[in-house]
C-alpha atoms as a PDB file:
ATOM      1  CA  MET A   1     -71.751  29.643  -8.163  1.00  0.00           C
ATOM      2  CA  LYS A   2     -70.984  30.033  -4.451  1.00  0.00           C
ATOM      3  CA  ALA A   3     -68.786  26.872  -4.618  1.00  0.00           C
ATOM      4  CA  LYS A   4     -66.729  28.277  -7.484  1.00  0.00           C
ATOM      5  CA  SER A   5     -66.367  31.634  -5.623  1.00  0.00           C
ATOM      6  CA  ALA A   6     -65.273  29.836  -2.404  1.00  0.00           C
ATOM      7  CA  LEU A   7     -62.799  27.710  -4.356  1.00  0.00           C
ATOM      8  CA  ALA A   8     -61.361  30.771  -6.099  1.00  0.00           C
ATOM      9  CA  THR A   9     -60.970  32.536  -2.763  1.00  0.00           C
ATOM     10  CA  THR A  10     -59.337  29.551  -1.168  1.00  0.00           C
ATOM     11  CA  LEU A  11     -56.923  29.167  -4.112  1.00  0.00           C
ATOM     12  CA  LEU A  12     -56.097  32.891  -4.019  1.00  0.00           C
ATOM     13  CA  ALA A  13     -55.410  32.717  -0.245  1.00  0.00           C
ATOM     14  CA  LEU A  14     -53.249  29.550  -0.747  1.00  0.00           C
ATOM     15  CA  VAL A  15     -51.201  31.237  -3.505  1.00  0.00           C
ATOM     16  CA  SER A  16     -50.778  34.401  -1.433  1.00  0.00           C
ATOM     17  CA  VAL A  17     -49.569  32.470   1.609  1.00  0.00           C
ATOM     18  CA  THR A  18     -47.141  30.387  -0.545  1.00  0.00           C
ATOM     19  CA  ALA A  19     -45.745  33.513  -2.166  1.00  0.00           C
ATOM     20  CA  CYS A  20     -45.205  35.140   1.233  1.00  0.00           C
ATOM     21  CA  LEU A  21     -43.405  32.039   2.495  1.00  0.00           C
ATOM     22  CA  VAL A  22     -41.126  31.948  -0.565  1.00  0.00           C
ATOM     23  CA  ILE A  23     -40.216  35.568  -0.169  1.00  0.00           C
ATOM     24  CA  ALA A  24     -39.680  35.266   3.597  1.00  0.00           C
ATOM     25  CA  ARG A  25     -37.500  32.226   3.096  1.00  0.00           C
ATOM     26  CA  GLY A  26     -34.878  34.283   1.235  1.00  0.00           C
ATOM     27  CA  GLN A  27     -34.722  36.945   3.980  1.00  0.00           C
ATOM     28  CA  ALA A  28     -32.575  36.839   7.110  1.00  0.00           C
ATOM     29  CA  ASP A  29     -34.039  37.361  10.520  1.00  0.00           C
ATOM     30  CA  GLU A  30     -32.967  36.608  14.063  1.00  0.00           C
ATOM     31  CA  ASN A  31     -33.891  32.939  13.607  1.00  0.00           C
ATOM     32  CA  SER A  32     -31.865  32.471  10.402  1.00  0.00           C
ATOM     33  CA  ALA A  33     -28.702  30.385  10.394  1.00  0.00           C
ATOM     34  CA  PRO A  34     -25.599  32.354  11.079  1.00  0.00           C
ATOM     35  CA  ILE A  35     -23.151  32.879   8.224  1.00  0.00           C
ATOM     36  CA  TYR A  36     -20.349  31.646  10.379  1.00  0.00           C
ATOM     37  CA  VAL A  37     -20.076  29.002  13.123  1.00  0.00           C
ATOM     38  CA  THR A  38     -20.500  30.785  16.407  1.00  0.00           C
ATOM     39  CA  LYS A  39     -20.114  27.950  18.901  1.00  0.00           C
ATOM     40  CA  VAL A  40     -17.349  25.414  19.467  1.00  0.00           C
ATOM     41  CA  PRO A  41     -18.836  21.905  19.448  1.00  0.00           C
ATOM     42  CA  SER A  42     -18.935  20.188  22.843  1.00  0.00           C
ATOM     43  CA  GLY A  43     -16.618  17.264  23.293  1.00  0.00           C
ATOM     44  CA  TYR A  44     -14.242  18.235  20.540  1.00  0.00           C
ATOM     45  CA  ARG A  45     -11.147  17.589  22.646  1.00  0.00           C
ATOM     46  CA  ASP A  46     -12.116  13.920  22.633  1.00  0.00           C
ATOM     47  CA  TRP A  47     -12.042  13.634  18.864  1.00  0.00           C
ATOM     48  CA  ARG A  48      -9.353  11.773  16.921  1.00  0.00           C
ATOM     49  CA  LEU A  49      -6.124  13.262  15.713  1.00  0.00           C
ATOM     50  CA  VAL A  50      -6.108  14.194  11.986  1.00  0.00           C
ATOM     51  CA  SER A  51      -2.682  15.761  11.882  1.00  0.00           C
ATOM     52  CA  VAL A  52      -0.415  18.411  13.337  1.00  0.00           C
ATOM     53  CA  ALA A  53       0.840  21.572  11.624  1.00  0.00           C
ATOM     54  CA  ASN A  54       3.657  23.984  12.129  1.00  0.00           C
ATOM     55  CA  GLU A  55       3.224  27.517  10.805  1.00  0.00           C
ATOM     56  CA  GLU A  56       6.281  29.677  10.662  1.00  0.00           C
ATOM     57  CA  GLY A  57       6.741  33.276   9.579  1.00  0.00           C
ATOM     58  CA  ASN A  58       5.019  35.694  11.921  1.00  0.00           C
ATOM     59  CA  LEU A  59       2.798  32.989  13.385  1.00  0.00           C
ATOM     60  CA  HIS A  60       5.309  30.620  15.065  1.00  0.00           C
ATOM     61  CA  SER A  61       2.391  28.328  15.699  1.00  0.00           C
ATOM     62  CA  PHE A  62       1.657  24.681  16.265  1.00  0.00           C
ATOM     63  CA  ALA A  63      -1.816  23.364  15.426  1.00  0.00           C
ATOM     64  CA  ILE A  64      -3.275  20.125  16.593  1.00  0.00           C
ATOM     65  CA  VAL A  65      -6.015  19.170  14.106  1.00  0.00           C
ATOM     66  CA  LEU A  66      -8.863  16.994  15.313  1.00  0.00           C
ATOM     67  CA  GLY A  67     -11.837  15.480  13.529  1.00  0.00           C
ATOM     68  CA  ASN A  68     -15.203  14.102  14.566  1.00  0.00           C
ATOM     69  CA  ASP A  69     -16.146  10.533  13.576  1.00  0.00           C
ATOM     70  CA  VAL A  70     -17.666  11.693  10.259  1.00  0.00           C
ATOM     71  CA  ALA A  71     -14.487  13.540   9.300  1.00  0.00           C
ATOM     72  CA  ILE A  72     -12.152  10.740  10.391  1.00  0.00           C
ATOM     73  CA  LYS A  73     -14.146   8.209   8.366  1.00  0.00           C
ATOM     74  CA  ALA A  74     -13.966  10.467   5.289  1.00  0.00           C
ATOM     75  CA  TYR A  75     -10.236  10.984   5.721  1.00  0.00           C
ATOM     76  CA  ARG A  76      -9.580   7.264   6.136  1.00  0.00           C
ATOM     77  CA  GLU A  77     -11.686   6.325   3.118  1.00  0.00           C
ATOM     78  CA  GLY A  78     -10.461   9.223   1.006  1.00  0.00           C
ATOM     79  CA  THR A  79     -14.016  10.547   0.572  1.00  0.00           C
ATOM     80  CA  LEU A  80     -14.200  13.819  -1.278  1.00  0.00           C
ATOM     81  CA  PRO A  81     -16.114  15.975  -1.008  1.00  0.00           C
ATOM     82  CA  PHE A  82     -16.420  15.477   2.744  1.00  0.00           C
ATOM     83  CA  PRO A  83     -19.948  14.376   3.779  1.00  0.00           C
ATOM     84  CA  ASP A  84     -22.292  16.604   5.672  1.00  0.00           C
ATOM     85  CA  GLY A  85     -21.649  16.366   9.403  1.00  0.00           C
ATOM     86  CA  ALA A  86     -17.852  16.411   9.112  1.00  0.00           C
ATOM     87  CA  ILE A  87     -16.246  18.769  11.581  1.00  0.00           C
ATOM     88  CA  ILE A  88     -12.547  19.613  11.691  1.00  0.00           C
ATOM     89  CA  VAL A  89     -11.064  21.643  14.611  1.00  0.00           C
ATOM     90  CA  ALA A  90      -7.589  23.198  14.764  1.00  0.00           C
ATOM     91  CA  LEU A  91      -6.240  24.083  18.152  1.00  0.00           C
ATOM     92  CA  HIS A  92      -3.453  26.679  17.710  1.00  0.00           C
ATOM     93  CA  TYR A  93      -0.608  27.366  20.168  1.00  0.00           C
ATOM     94  CA  LYS A  94       2.504  29.527  20.060  1.00  0.00           C
ATOM     95  CA  HIS A  95       5.576  27.351  19.931  1.00  0.00           C
ATOM     96  CA  VAL A  96       8.302  28.055  22.424  1.00  0.00           C
ATOM     97  CA  PRO A  97      11.757  26.573  22.938  1.00  0.00           C
ATOM     98  CA  SER A  98      12.069  23.832  25.471  1.00  0.00           C
ATOM     99  CA  GLU A  99      15.118  24.632  27.618  1.00  0.00           C
ATOM    100  CA  GLU A 100      14.811  21.260  29.350  1.00  0.00           C
ATOM    101  CA  ASN A 101      14.819  19.299  26.042  1.00  0.00           C
ATOM    102  CA  ASN A 102      17.540  21.449  24.573  1.00  0.00           C
ATOM    103  CA  LYS A 103      19.848  20.662  27.494  1.00  0.00           C
ATOM    104  CA  VAL A 104      19.368  16.941  26.846  1.00  0.00           C
ATOM    105  CA  PHE A 105      19.899  17.338  23.082  1.00  0.00           C
ATOM    106  CA  GLY A 106      22.842  19.668  23.519  1.00  0.00           C
ATOM    107  CA  ASP A 107      21.409  22.022  20.868  1.00  0.00           C
ATOM    108  CA  ALA A 108      18.616  24.619  20.600  1.00  0.00           C
ATOM    109  CA  GLN A 109      16.282  22.439  18.506  1.00  0.00           C
ATOM    110  CA  SER A 110      13.275  21.523  20.593  1.00  0.00           C
ATOM    111  CA  PHE A 111      10.000  23.460  20.578  1.00  0.00           C
ATOM    112  CA  VAL A 112       6.857  22.714  22.492  1.00  0.00           C
ATOM    113  CA  PRO A 113       3.361  24.186  22.609  1.00  0.00           C
ATOM    114  CA  GLY A 114       3.207  27.454  24.544  1.00  0.00           C
ATOM    115  CA  SER A 115       0.144  29.496  25.242  1.00  0.00           C
ATOM    116  CA  PRO A 116      -3.001  28.847  23.182  1.00  0.00           C
ATOM    117  CA  THR A 117      -3.774  31.478  20.486  1.00  0.00           C
ATOM    118  CA  ASN A 118      -7.080  30.342  18.899  1.00  0.00           C
ATOM    119  CA  ILE A 119      -9.418  27.612  17.854  1.00  0.00           C
ATOM    120  CA  GLN A 120     -10.502  27.385  14.229  1.00  0.00           C
ATOM    121  CA  LEU A 121     -13.056  24.962  12.810  1.00  0.00           C
ATOM    122  CA  GLU A 122     -14.905  23.916   9.716  1.00  0.00           C
ATOM    123  CA  VAL A 123     -18.372  22.324   9.709  1.00  0.00           C
ATOM    124  CA  LYS A 124     -19.693  20.650   6.570  1.00  0.00           C
ATOM    125  CA  ASP A 125     -23.371  21.347   5.861  1.00  0.00           C
ATOM    126  CA  SER A 126     -24.003  21.600   2.115  1.00  0.00           C
ATOM    127  CA  ASN A 127     -27.410  23.264   2.540  1.00  0.00           C
ATOM    128  CA  LYS A 128     -26.732  25.668   5.390  1.00  0.00           C
ATOM    129  CA  TYR A 129     -23.371  26.857   4.008  1.00  0.00           C
ATOM    130  CA  SER A 130     -23.957  26.493   0.260  1.00  0.00           C
ATOM    131  CA  ALA A 131     -22.521  29.957  -0.388  1.00  0.00           C
ATOM    132  CA  THR A 132     -19.155  28.912   1.062  1.00  0.00           C
ATOM    133  CA  GLY A 133     -18.630  25.575  -0.648  1.00  0.00           C
ATOM    134  CA  GLY A 134     -20.756  23.721   1.909  1.00  0.00           C
ATOM    135  CA  TRP A 135     -18.437  24.654   4.800  1.00  0.00           C
ATOM    136  CA  GLY A 136     -19.181  26.854   7.796  1.00  0.00           C
ATOM    137  CA  PHE A 137     -16.073  28.438   9.325  1.00  0.00           C
ATOM    138  CA  GLY A 138     -15.462  29.396  12.936  1.00  0.00           C
ATOM    139  CA  PHE A 139     -12.617  31.340  14.579  1.00  0.00           C
ATOM    140  CA  PHE A 140     -12.470  31.664  18.314  1.00  0.00           C
ATOM    141  CA  GLY A 141     -10.177  33.436  20.694  1.00  0.00           C
ATOM    142  CA  THR A 142      -8.597  31.853  23.774  1.00  0.00           C
ATOM    143  CA  ASP A 143     -11.722  32.837  25.680  1.00  0.00           C
ATOM    144  CA  GLY A 144     -13.862  30.583  23.467  1.00  0.00           C
ATOM    145  CA  LYS A 145     -15.757  33.517  21.979  1.00  0.00           C
ATOM    146  CA  PRO A 146     -15.993  34.023  18.208  1.00  0.00           C
ATOM    147  CA  VAL A 147     -13.826  36.762  16.778  1.00  0.00           C
ATOM    148  CA  ALA A 148     -15.394  39.647  14.870  1.00  0.00           C
ATOM    149  CA  GLU A 149     -17.244  38.655  11.735  1.00  0.00           C
ATOM    150  CA  ALA A 150     -14.898  40.840   9.626  1.00  0.00           C
ATOM    151  CA  GLN A 151     -11.952  38.651  10.682  1.00  0.00           C
ATOM    152  CA  MET A 152     -13.803  35.505   9.447  1.00  0.00           C
ATOM    153  CA  LYS A 153     -14.596  36.840   5.990  1.00  0.00           C
ATOM    154  CA  SER A 154     -11.239  35.646   4.695  1.00  0.00           C
ATOM    155  CA  CYS A 155     -11.812  32.022   5.716  1.00  0.00           C
ATOM    156  CA  ALA A 156     -13.899  30.736   2.754  1.00  0.00           C
ATOM    157  CA  PRO A 157     -11.972  32.493   0.013  1.00  0.00           C
ATOM    158  CA  CYS A 158      -8.661  31.225   1.337  1.00  0.00           C
ATOM    159  CA  HIS A 159      -9.995  27.652   1.828  1.00  0.00           C
ATOM    160  CA  ALA A 160     -11.479  27.695  -1.649  1.00  0.00           C
ATOM    161  CA  LYS A 161      -7.895  27.562  -2.954  1.00  0.00           C
ATOM    162  CA  SER A 162      -7.493  24.032  -1.504  1.00  0.00           C
ATOM    163  CA  SER A 163      -7.763  21.184  -3.942  1.00  0.00           C
ATOM    164  CA  THR A 164      -9.333  18.973  -1.237  1.00  0.00           C
ATOM    165  CA  ASP A 165     -12.818  20.331  -0.662  1.00  0.00           C
ATOM    166  CA  PHE A 166     -11.854  23.518   1.265  1.00  0.00           C
ATOM    167  CA  VAL A 167      -9.630  21.501   3.608  1.00  0.00           C
ATOM    168  CA  PHE A 168      -5.866  22.046   3.907  1.00  0.00           C
ATOM    169  CA  THR A 169      -5.018  19.400   6.462  1.00  0.00           C
ATOM    170  CA  HIS A 170      -4.181  15.971   5.154  1.00  0.00           C
ATOM    171  CA  TYR A 171      -4.711  12.888   7.262  1.00  0.00           C
ATOM    172  CA  ALA A 172      -1.662  11.488   9.056  1.00  0.00           C
ATOM    173  CA  PRO A 173      -2.572   7.890   9.880  1.00  0.00           C
END
């Protein structure tokens, strides 16, 4: 009888601990993964060129888009969705006229990168960022610090409109 009682007590304790772990797993705490990417990956300036972009309108911005090895391999092989571990970084700069170049060309047609405006990035982790299509988004000021979370809330909904796995930039071999 004592063995059955001990077994029942052990099973009850095991079920209770399991239930607590399941409940705790769904709750955020200071050790939980952040909703957004809060750190620029080290060494990103040594990654390969994916493409460049020019955004007009109010932005007047050039972007240099870089990818880590995982992203570059996926781009080259046409792999969609992108595999976990892919990271894409966009370095944004104001574009300004180049007086020197324009003198040579004889026309006001040349623009070059001016001051940096921000760094934006996407990190593919299907588990960690499952609520946002498997992508974590980061947006950093020129000081390298993340912008306010409210400013990043538009990233995933906007990128969800892309037909290429939340990624707008196409590879330029």
